Amino acid sequence: MKPLRQQNNRPVMTYRPRVEPAPPAHAWRVEGFKDVWMLRNRYVAFVLVGNAFSQSPPFTLPEAAQRWATQIRQENEIS
């Protein structure tokens, strides 16, 4: 008789933005975008939420990072 399969009880992983006091000094601002910075050859968005900056996951396109920042602003109703 076959043993019963184990159910997949792994928790679902979701991305929680890192909270930073300020964008790092070694990050470069990307021209033409409001919240996008170049960090380790990737595009990262920093959005001020409350009294700290939320950092996005790294993106390969600056437009994707700006979309993430816009979405975070809409969720938190920040102008």
N, C-alpha and C. Protein backbone atom coordinates (compact mmCIF):
# COMPACT_ATOMS: atom_id res chain seq x y z
N MET A 1 0.84 -1.19 0.00
CA MET A 1 0.00 0.00 0.00
C MET A 1 0.89 1.26 0.00
N LYS A 2 0.51 2.25 -0.82
CA LYS A 2 1.31 3.47 -0.91
C LYS A 2 1.10 4.32 0.34
N PRO A 3 2.18 4.99 0.79
CA PRO A 3 1.99 5.91 1.91
C PRO A 3 1.22 7.15 1.45
N LEU A 4 0.49 7.74 2.36
CA LEU A 4 -0.26 8.95 2.03
C LEU A 4 0.69 10.10 1.74
N ARG A 5 0.34 10.92 0.76
CA ARG A 5 1.16 12.09 0.45
C ARG A 5 1.01 13.13 1.55
N GLN A 6 2.10 13.82 1.81
CA GLN A 6 2.04 14.91 2.78
C GLN A 6 1.44 16.14 2.10
N GLN A 7 0.62 16.83 2.84
CA GLN A 7 0.05 18.05 2.30
C GLN A 7 1.11 19.14 2.29
N ASN A 8 0.95 20.06 1.35
CA ASN A 8 1.87 21.18 1.25
C ASN A 8 1.45 22.24 2.26
N ASN A 9 2.13 22.29 3.39
CA ASN A 9 1.79 23.24 4.46
C ASN A 9 2.76 24.40 4.54
N ARG A 10 3.48 24.65 3.45
CA ARG A 10 4.44 25.75 3.47
C ARG A 10 3.70 27.09 3.47
N PRO A 11 4.18 28.04 4.26
CA PRO A 11 3.52 29.36 4.24
C PRO A 11 3.79 30.08 2.92
N VAL A 12 2.84 30.88 2.51
CA VAL A 12 2.98 31.67 1.29
C VAL A 12 3.91 32.84 1.58
N MET A 13 4.94 32.99 0.76
CA MET A 13 5.89 34.07 0.95
C MET A 13 5.39 35.31 0.23
N THR A 14 5.36 36.42 0.92
CA THR A 14 4.99 37.69 0.32
C THR A 14 6.12 38.68 0.59
N TYR A 15 6.21 39.68 -0.28
CA TYR A 15 7.27 40.67 -0.13
C TYR A 15 6.82 41.77 0.81
N ARG A 16 7.61 41.99 1.87
CA ARG A 16 7.38 43.14 2.74
C ARG A 16 8.51 44.12 2.48
N PRO A 17 8.16 45.36 2.10
CA PRO A 17 9.22 46.32 1.79
C PRO A 17 10.14 46.56 2.98
N ARG A 18 11.44 46.68 2.68
CA ARG A 18 12.39 47.06 3.72
C ARG A 18 12.13 48.50 4.11
N VAL A 19 12.38 48.80 5.37
CA VAL A 19 12.20 50.17 5.85
C VAL A 19 13.59 50.74 6.09
N GLU A 20 13.87 51.85 5.44
CA GLU A 20 15.18 52.50 5.51
C GLU A 20 14.99 53.92 6.03
N PRO A 21 15.96 54.46 6.77
CA PRO A 21 15.85 55.86 7.21
C PRO A 21 15.99 56.85 6.05
N ALA A 22 16.75 56.46 5.01
CA ALA A 22 16.94 57.30 3.84
C ALA A 22 17.51 56.43 2.72
N PRO A 23 17.35 56.84 1.47
CA PRO A 23 18.02 56.09 0.40
C PRO A 23 19.53 56.08 0.64
N PRO A 24 20.21 54.98 0.34
CA PRO A 24 21.65 54.91 0.62
C PRO A 24 22.45 55.92 -0.18
N ALA A 25 23.56 56.34 0.40
CA ALA A 25 24.39 57.36 -0.23
C ALA A 25 25.03 56.86 -1.53
N HIS A 26 25.25 55.55 -1.65
CA HIS A 26 25.90 55.02 -2.85
C HIS A 26 24.90 54.73 -3.98
N ALA A 27 23.61 55.04 -3.77
CA ALA A 27 22.61 54.86 -4.84
C ALA A 27 22.57 56.12 -5.69
N TRP A 28 22.36 55.94 -7.00
CA TRP A 28 22.29 57.07 -7.92
C TRP A 28 20.86 57.28 -8.35
N ARG A 29 20.43 58.54 -8.36
CA ARG A 29 19.08 58.90 -8.78
C ARG A 29 18.97 58.72 -10.29
N VAL A 30 17.86 58.17 -10.76
CA VAL A 30 17.64 57.96 -12.19
C VAL A 30 16.88 59.16 -12.74
N GLU A 31 17.44 59.79 -13.77
CA GLU A 31 16.83 60.97 -14.37
C GLU A 31 15.48 60.61 -15.00
N GLY A 32 14.50 61.49 -14.82
CA GLY A 32 13.21 61.31 -15.44
C GLY A 32 12.21 60.51 -14.61
N PHE A 33 12.63 60.01 -13.46
CA PHE A 33 11.74 59.25 -12.59
C PHE A 33 11.74 59.86 -11.20
N LYS A 34 10.59 59.85 -10.56
CA LYS A 34 10.42 60.52 -9.27
C LYS A 34 11.05 59.75 -8.12
N ASP A 35 10.86 58.43 -8.09
CA ASP A 35 11.24 57.63 -6.93
C ASP A 35 12.28 56.56 -7.23
N VAL A 36 12.87 56.55 -8.42
CA VAL A 36 13.73 55.43 -8.83
C VAL A 36 15.20 55.79 -8.64
N TRP A 37 15.94 54.82 -8.09
CA TRP A 37 17.37 54.95 -7.85
C TRP A 37 18.08 53.73 -8.43
N MET A 38 19.34 53.91 -8.85
CA MET A 38 20.16 52.81 -9.34
C MET A 38 20.99 52.29 -8.17
N LEU A 39 20.82 51.01 -7.86
CA LEU A 39 21.50 50.40 -6.72
C LEU A 39 21.99 49.02 -7.14
N ARG A 40 23.30 48.83 -7.17
CA ARG A 40 23.92 47.56 -7.57
C ARG A 40 23.45 47.10 -8.96
N ASN A 41 23.47 48.02 -9.92
CA ASN A 41 23.08 47.76 -11.31
C ASN A 41 21.64 47.30 -11.45
N ARG A 42 20.80 47.61 -10.51
CA ARG A 42 19.37 47.33 -10.58
C ARG A 42 18.62 48.61 -10.24
N TYR A 43 17.37 48.67 -10.65
CA TYR A 43 16.54 49.83 -10.35
C TYR A 43 15.70 49.53 -9.11
N VAL A 44 15.75 50.44 -8.13
CA VAL A 44 15.05 50.28 -6.88
C VAL A 44 14.27 51.57 -6.61
N ALA A 45 13.04 51.42 -6.11
CA ALA A 45 12.24 52.60 -5.78
C ALA A 45 12.24 52.79 -4.27
N PHE A 46 12.30 54.04 -3.85
CA PHE A 46 12.20 54.40 -2.44
C PHE A 46 11.00 55.33 -2.29
N VAL A 47 10.08 54.96 -1.40
CA VAL A 47 8.88 55.77 -1.17
C VAL A 47 8.82 56.11 0.30
N LEU A 48 8.62 57.39 0.61
CA LEU A 48 8.52 57.83 2.00
C LEU A 48 7.14 57.47 2.54
N VAL A 49 7.12 56.56 3.51
CA VAL A 49 5.88 56.13 4.16
C VAL A 49 6.03 56.44 5.64
N GLY A 50 5.26 57.38 6.12
CA GLY A 50 5.41 57.80 7.52
C GLY A 50 6.71 58.56 7.69
N ASN A 51 7.59 58.04 8.54
CA ASN A 51 8.88 58.71 8.76
C ASN A 51 10.05 57.88 8.27
N ALA A 52 9.80 56.88 7.41
CA ALA A 52 10.87 56.04 6.87
C ALA A 52 10.58 55.74 5.41
N PHE A 53 11.61 55.34 4.68
CA PHE A 53 11.48 55.01 3.27
C PHE A 53 11.24 53.50 3.11
N SER A 54 10.29 53.13 2.26
CA SER A 54 10.09 51.74 1.89
C SER A 54 10.88 51.47 0.62
N GLN A 55 11.63 50.37 0.61
CA GLN A 55 12.45 50.01 -0.53
C GLN A 55 11.79 48.89 -1.31
N SER A 56 11.74 49.05 -2.62
CA SER A 56 11.13 48.04 -3.48
C SER A 56 12.10 46.89 -3.70
N PRO A 57 11.60 45.77 -4.24
CA PRO A 57 12.53 44.74 -4.70
C PRO A 57 13.29 45.26 -5.92
N PRO A 58 14.41 44.69 -6.27
CA PRO A 58 15.17 45.18 -7.43
C PRO A 58 14.45 44.83 -8.74
N PHE A 59 14.46 45.79 -9.67
CA PHE A 59 13.84 45.62 -10.98
C PHE A 59 14.90 45.82 -12.06
N THR A 60 14.65 45.25 -13.25
CA THR A 60 15.57 45.44 -14.37
C THR A 60 15.19 46.65 -15.21
N LEU A 61 13.96 47.15 -15.06
CA LEU A 61 13.50 48.33 -15.80
C LEU A 61 13.11 49.44 -14.84
N PRO A 62 13.49 50.69 -15.12
CA PRO A 62 13.11 51.78 -14.23
C PRO A 62 11.60 52.02 -14.21
N GLU A 63 10.92 51.73 -15.32
CA GLU A 63 9.47 51.91 -15.37
C GLU A 63 8.77 50.99 -14.38
N ALA A 64 9.28 49.77 -14.22
CA ALA A 64 8.68 48.82 -13.28
C ALA A 64 8.85 49.31 -11.85
N ALA A 65 10.01 49.86 -11.53
CA ALA A 65 10.23 50.39 -10.18
C ALA A 65 9.31 51.57 -9.92
N GLN A 66 9.12 52.43 -10.92
CA GLN A 66 8.23 53.58 -10.74
C GLN A 66 6.78 53.13 -10.58
N ARG A 67 6.37 52.08 -11.31
CA ARG A 67 5.02 51.55 -11.13
C ARG A 67 4.82 51.02 -9.73
N TRP A 68 5.85 50.34 -9.18
CA TRP A 68 5.77 49.84 -7.80
C TRP A 68 5.60 51.01 -6.84
N ALA A 69 6.38 52.07 -7.04
CA ALA A 69 6.30 53.24 -6.16
C ALA A 69 4.92 53.89 -6.25
N THR A 70 4.38 53.99 -7.46
CA THR A 70 3.05 54.57 -7.64
C THR A 70 1.99 53.73 -6.93
N GLN A 71 2.12 52.41 -7.01
CA GLN A 71 1.17 51.52 -6.35
C GLN A 71 1.24 51.68 -4.83
N ILE A 72 2.45 51.76 -4.28
CA ILE A 72 2.63 51.94 -2.84
C ILE A 72 2.03 53.28 -2.40
N ARG A 73 2.25 54.32 -3.20
CA ARG A 73 1.67 55.63 -2.89
C ARG A 73 0.15 55.57 -2.87
N GLN A 74 -0.45 54.85 -3.84
CA GLN A 74 -1.91 54.74 -3.88
C GLN A 74 -2.44 53.93 -2.71
N GLU A 75 -1.74 52.84 -2.35
CA GLU A 75 -2.19 52.02 -1.21
C GLU A 75 -2.14 52.80 0.11
N ASN A 76 -1.12 53.64 0.26
CA ASN A 76 -0.97 54.40 1.48
C ASN A 76 -1.51 55.81 1.36
N GLU A 77 -2.08 56.14 0.19
CA GLU A 77 -2.68 57.45 -0.08
C GLU A 77 -1.70 58.59 0.21
N ILE A 78 -0.52 58.47 -0.37
CA ILE A 78 0.52 59.50 -0.25
C ILE A 78 0.58 60.24 -1.58
N SER A 79 0.72 61.56 -1.52
CA SER A 79 0.81 62.30 -2.78
C SER A 79 2.24 62.53 -3.18
